[in-house]
Each structure stands twice: as C-alpha cells, then as structure tokens.
Amino acid sequence: MQRKEFIEQIENNPIIAAIKDDAGLEKCLETDIGVIFVLYGDVCSIPKIVDRIKNAGKTVVIHVDLINGLSSKEVSLDFIRNYTAADGIITTKPNLIKHAKELGLNTILRFFMLDSIALQNVEKQSHADVQPDIIEVLPGILLPEFFEKIRKISRVRLMASGLITNKTEVLNALNNGVISISTTNQSIWEM
C-alpha cells in the first residue's frame, strides 16, 4: 500500500481498532473498522494474525515493539516485510523508521507525551531526514491546545490513542486536528 493510500485509509477510519489479544482479534473482524493495529503476538503467531486480518479486507499495522521475539534492530523489520503482509509498522524508535520506509512499509512513530522533553522530541523528529508517515501521541486525552502545539511543530499528520474512554474524548481529539484515534476499548469501536 502506497503512502498516500495509507494516509487516506487512516483518515477515512477515524476510529482504529487496536488489538491486544485473540479475543480482540475476533471482535475486530466483526466490525466495519478498516484499519487494525496489532499490539500483541510473537514471531511465530504474527504472520497468522496478519493473514486473518488481511483476509477480512482490512489494513494491518503491527506495533513491532510489542511483538515477542522481535528486537529494536532493523532485521525485525526485514522479518515483518518478508514473512507477513502487514501494511505498516508502529514503533517508539525513530531509528527504525528509515529502514521501514526503505522496505516499503508505512510508518507510525509513537510518542508518550509525559513532559516538555517529549514535545521537544516531536520537534526534533519533525526536522529529521526521515520522517514517519504519521505521528501517534499518547495519551489521547490531551488538551486541545496541546494538539495544536504538536501540529504546529510537526510536518506529518497526527493521531491519538490511550485513555480515550468516551465519545466526548474521541470528538475532542478529532475536532482538534487529529486524523484518527486508535483504541483497545471495544465500546468505542462501535461509535
């Protein structure tokens, strides 16, 4: 999937199902949600998990940092490219973005917004040679002003996740420049 098509797919799915176990996998396959973030598995199970989601006609993004048996080395991305049909990866490690892009994988760089240093890291990444396709910030219940700050310093689209529990919080993010939210909260998948 090309970068432009990937970003359009994320924008067209304002709520993304993030799955953390087999029960979540089963549930997301029953929904109309078109993009699934895989937050669990291991090197033996991830190809099968991805195949099930792809066979359901959905876009699959693997959080490589959370897959047991993968490391923060580039070879982990080679494994994802060679042994799965994943459309992209999520990582908290900027050094993996360049190699993922070289392999033709779409990229999401995740930031935990804990303090002003995190905001500086977003700004630093926005000036890096290799940029992710999307930046994901956690928690997703940030104040509107904070979303605005991130959008001003970043050249890439912004999504949010984490601690979003109701429609008001979803709308807060979406109405303040976030293109989509990802959540493991299955009640939000149905909104």
Protein backbone atom coordinates (compact mmCIF):
# COMPACT_ATOMS: atom_id res chain seq x y z
CA MET A 1 0.00 0.00 0.00
CA GLN A 2 1.45 3.34 -1.06
CA ARG A 3 1.98 6.15 1.46
CA LYS A 4 -0.81 8.36 0.10
CA GLU A 5 -3.28 5.46 0.09
CA PHE A 6 -2.22 4.51 3.61
CA ILE A 7 -2.76 8.01 4.99
CA GLU A 8 -6.14 8.22 3.23
CA GLN A 9 -7.10 4.87 4.79
CA ILE A 10 -6.21 6.20 8.26
CA GLU A 11 -8.12 9.45 7.63
CA ASN A 12 -11.16 7.52 6.37
CA ASN A 13 -11.20 5.43 9.57
CA PRO A 14 -11.40 7.96 12.41
CA ILE A 15 -11.59 5.08 14.89
CA ILE A 16 -8.96 2.36 14.59
CA ALA A 17 -9.24 -0.92 16.45
CA ALA A 18 -6.08 -1.72 18.40
CA ILE A 19 -5.99 -5.36 19.43
CA LYS A 20 -4.03 -6.83 22.31
CA ASP A 21 -5.22 -10.46 22.33
CA ASP A 22 -7.08 -13.14 20.36
CA ALA A 23 -10.45 -12.01 21.76
CA GLY A 24 -9.81 -8.51 20.37
CA LEU A 25 -8.84 -10.05 17.04
CA GLU A 26 -12.14 -11.94 16.83
CA LYS A 27 -14.14 -8.86 17.79
CA CYS A 28 -12.42 -6.50 15.32
CA LEU A 29 -13.09 -8.94 12.47
CA GLU A 30 -16.82 -8.49 13.16
CA THR A 31 -16.67 -4.69 12.83
CA ASP A 32 -16.69 -2.36 9.84
CA ILE A 33 -13.42 -0.79 11.01
CA GLY A 34 -10.98 -0.86 8.12
CA VAL A 35 -7.67 -0.38 9.96
CA ILE A 36 -6.37 -2.65 12.70
CA PHE A 37 -3.32 -2.06 14.91
CA VAL A 38 -1.83 -5.31 16.21
CA LEU A 39 -0.32 -4.86 19.70
CA TYR A 40 0.37 -8.49 20.56
CA GLY A 41 1.80 -11.74 19.28
CA ASP A 42 5.19 -13.27 18.72
CA VAL A 43 7.39 -14.19 15.79
CA CYS A 44 5.53 -17.49 15.39
CA SER A 45 1.97 -16.12 15.55
CA ILE A 46 2.22 -12.70 13.90
CA PRO A 47 2.11 -13.98 10.28
CA LYS A 48 -1.15 -15.84 11.01
CA ILE A 49 -2.67 -12.88 12.86
CA VAL A 50 -1.86 -10.58 9.94
CA ASP A 51 -3.24 -13.10 7.40
CA ARG A 52 -6.57 -13.31 9.24
CA ILE A 53 -6.94 -9.53 9.23
CA LYS A 54 -5.84 -9.16 5.60
CA ASN A 55 -8.24 -11.93 4.54
CA ALA A 56 -11.02 -9.83 6.10
CA GLY A 57 -10.03 -6.98 3.76
CA LYS A 58 -8.56 -4.73 6.43
CA THR A 59 -5.36 -2.69 6.65
CA VAL A 60 -2.88 -4.08 9.20
CA VAL A 61 -0.27 -2.14 11.15
CA ILE A 62 2.00 -4.02 13.56
CA HIS A 63 3.42 -2.40 16.68
CA VAL A 64 6.85 -4.02 16.31
CA ASP A 65 7.99 -3.01 19.80
CA LEU A 66 5.28 -5.23 21.31
CA ILE A 67 5.85 -8.42 19.30
CA ASN A 68 7.68 -11.03 21.38
CA GLY A 69 10.87 -12.25 19.75
CA LEU A 70 11.45 -9.08 17.72
CA SER A 71 14.14 -6.64 18.74
CA SER A 72 14.71 -2.96 18.09
CA LYS A 73 17.06 -3.93 15.26
CA GLU A 74 16.40 -3.42 11.54
CA VAL A 75 16.29 -7.19 10.99
CA SER A 76 12.94 -7.22 12.80
CA LEU A 77 11.53 -5.06 10.01
CA ASP A 78 13.02 -7.41 7.43
CA PHE A 79 11.10 -10.21 9.16
CA ILE A 80 7.84 -8.20 9.03
CA ARG A 81 8.35 -7.43 5.32
CA ASN A 82 9.38 -10.97 4.34
CA TYR A 83 7.01 -13.07 6.45
CA THR A 84 3.83 -11.00 6.81
CA ALA A 85 1.53 -8.99 4.58
CA ALA A 86 1.47 -6.05 7.02
CA ASP A 87 0.83 -2.64 5.53
CA GLY A 88 2.95 -0.81 8.08
CA ILE A 89 4.55 -0.62 11.48
CA ILE A 90 4.23 1.36 14.69
CA THR A 91 7.31 1.97 16.81
CA THR A 92 8.61 4.30 19.50
CA LYS A 93 12.08 4.01 17.98
CA PRO A 94 12.88 6.68 15.37
CA ASN A 95 15.88 4.67 14.13
CA LEU A 96 13.52 2.01 12.72
CA ILE A 97 11.53 4.47 10.58
CA LYS A 98 14.18 4.90 7.87
CA HIS A 99 14.63 1.16 7.30
CA ALA A 100 10.87 0.55 7.34
CA LYS A 101 10.46 3.17 4.62
CA GLU A 102 13.27 1.57 2.59
CA LEU A 103 11.34 -1.70 2.76
CA GLY A 104 8.14 -0.03 1.58
CA LEU A 105 6.39 -0.26 4.94
CA ASN A 106 4.19 2.62 6.07
CA THR A 107 5.27 4.09 9.39
CA ILE A 108 3.76 5.46 12.57
CA LEU A 109 6.06 6.90 15.22
CA ARG A 110 4.52 6.77 18.69
CA PHE A 111 5.30 9.39 21.35
CA PHE A 112 4.31 9.30 25.01
CA MET A 113 3.58 12.93 25.95
CA LEU A 114 4.80 12.86 29.52
CA ASP A 115 6.62 16.17 29.73
CA SER A 116 8.20 19.02 27.76
CA ILE A 117 11.05 16.72 26.69
CA ALA A 118 8.54 14.60 24.76
CA LEU A 119 7.36 17.70 22.94
CA GLN A 120 10.99 18.55 22.10
CA ASN A 121 11.44 15.03 20.71
CA VAL A 122 8.46 15.52 18.39
CA GLU A 123 10.01 18.76 17.19
CA LYS A 124 13.41 17.12 16.70
CA GLN A 125 11.81 14.34 14.66
CA SER A 126 9.96 16.88 12.51
CA HIS A 127 13.35 18.16 11.33
CA ALA A 128 14.90 14.73 10.79
CA ASP A 129 15.84 13.46 7.33
CA VAL A 130 13.47 10.53 7.58
CA GLN A 131 10.01 11.29 8.85
CA PRO A 132 7.24 8.87 9.75
CA ASP A 133 4.04 8.95 7.74
CA ILE A 134 2.05 9.63 10.91
CA ILE A 135 2.85 10.58 14.50
CA GLU A 136 0.74 8.97 17.21
CA VAL A 137 0.59 10.66 20.61
CA LEU A 138 -0.40 9.12 23.91
CA PRO A 139 -2.41 9.79 25.94
CA GLY A 140 -5.13 10.75 23.50
CA ILE A 141 -7.00 12.86 26.05
CA LEU A 142 -4.69 15.84 25.69
CA LEU A 143 -5.99 19.37 25.91
CA PRO A 144 -6.87 20.97 22.55
CA GLU A 145 -4.02 23.47 22.97
CA PHE A 146 -1.54 20.63 23.23
CA PHE A 147 -2.75 19.01 19.99
CA GLU A 148 -2.33 22.43 18.39
CA LYS A 149 1.28 22.72 19.64
CA ILE A 150 2.15 19.31 18.24
CA ARG A 151 0.55 20.08 14.88
CA LYS A 152 2.47 23.36 14.63
CA ILE A 153 5.87 21.72 15.16
CA SER A 154 5.25 18.56 13.14
CA ARG A 155 5.13 18.22 9.38
CA VAL A 156 3.21 14.95 9.46
CA ARG A 157 -0.33 14.01 10.28
CA LEU A 158 -1.24 13.40 13.89
CA MET A 159 -3.26 10.64 15.52
CA ALA A 160 -4.01 9.94 19.18
CA SER A 161 -4.54 6.94 21.43
CA GLY A 162 -4.54 5.92 25.04
CA LEU A 163 -7.01 6.62 27.83
CA ILE A 164 -9.79 7.61 25.45
CA THR A 165 -12.95 6.21 27.02
CA ASN A 166 -15.97 8.04 25.59
CA LYS A 167 -17.43 9.91 22.63
CA THR A 168 -16.57 13.34 24.07
CA GLU A 169 -12.87 12.42 24.25
CA VAL A 170 -12.96 10.98 20.71
CA LEU A 171 -14.54 14.18 19.39
CA ASN A 172 -12.08 16.35 21.34
CA ALA A 173 -9.20 14.72 19.51
CA LEU A 174 -10.87 14.64 16.08
CA ASN A 175 -12.07 18.25 16.33
CA ASN A 176 -8.58 19.47 17.19
CA GLY A 177 -6.59 18.30 14.19
CA VAL A 178 -6.13 14.62 14.93
CA ILE A 179 -6.93 12.49 11.85
CA SER A 180 -7.91 9.37 13.82
CA ILE A 181 -7.73 7.69 17.18
CA SER A 182 -6.70 4.13 17.96
CA THR A 183 -8.09 2.27 20.92
CA THR A 184 -8.33 -1.14 22.51
CA ASN A 185 -11.63 -0.01 24.08
CA GLN A 186 -14.13 -2.11 22.16
CA SER A 187 -17.13 0.05 23.13
CA ILE A 188 -15.54 2.90 21.16
CA TRP A 189 -15.12 0.67 18.09
CA GLU A 190 -18.90 0.74 17.70
CA MET A 191 -19.25 4.57 17.64
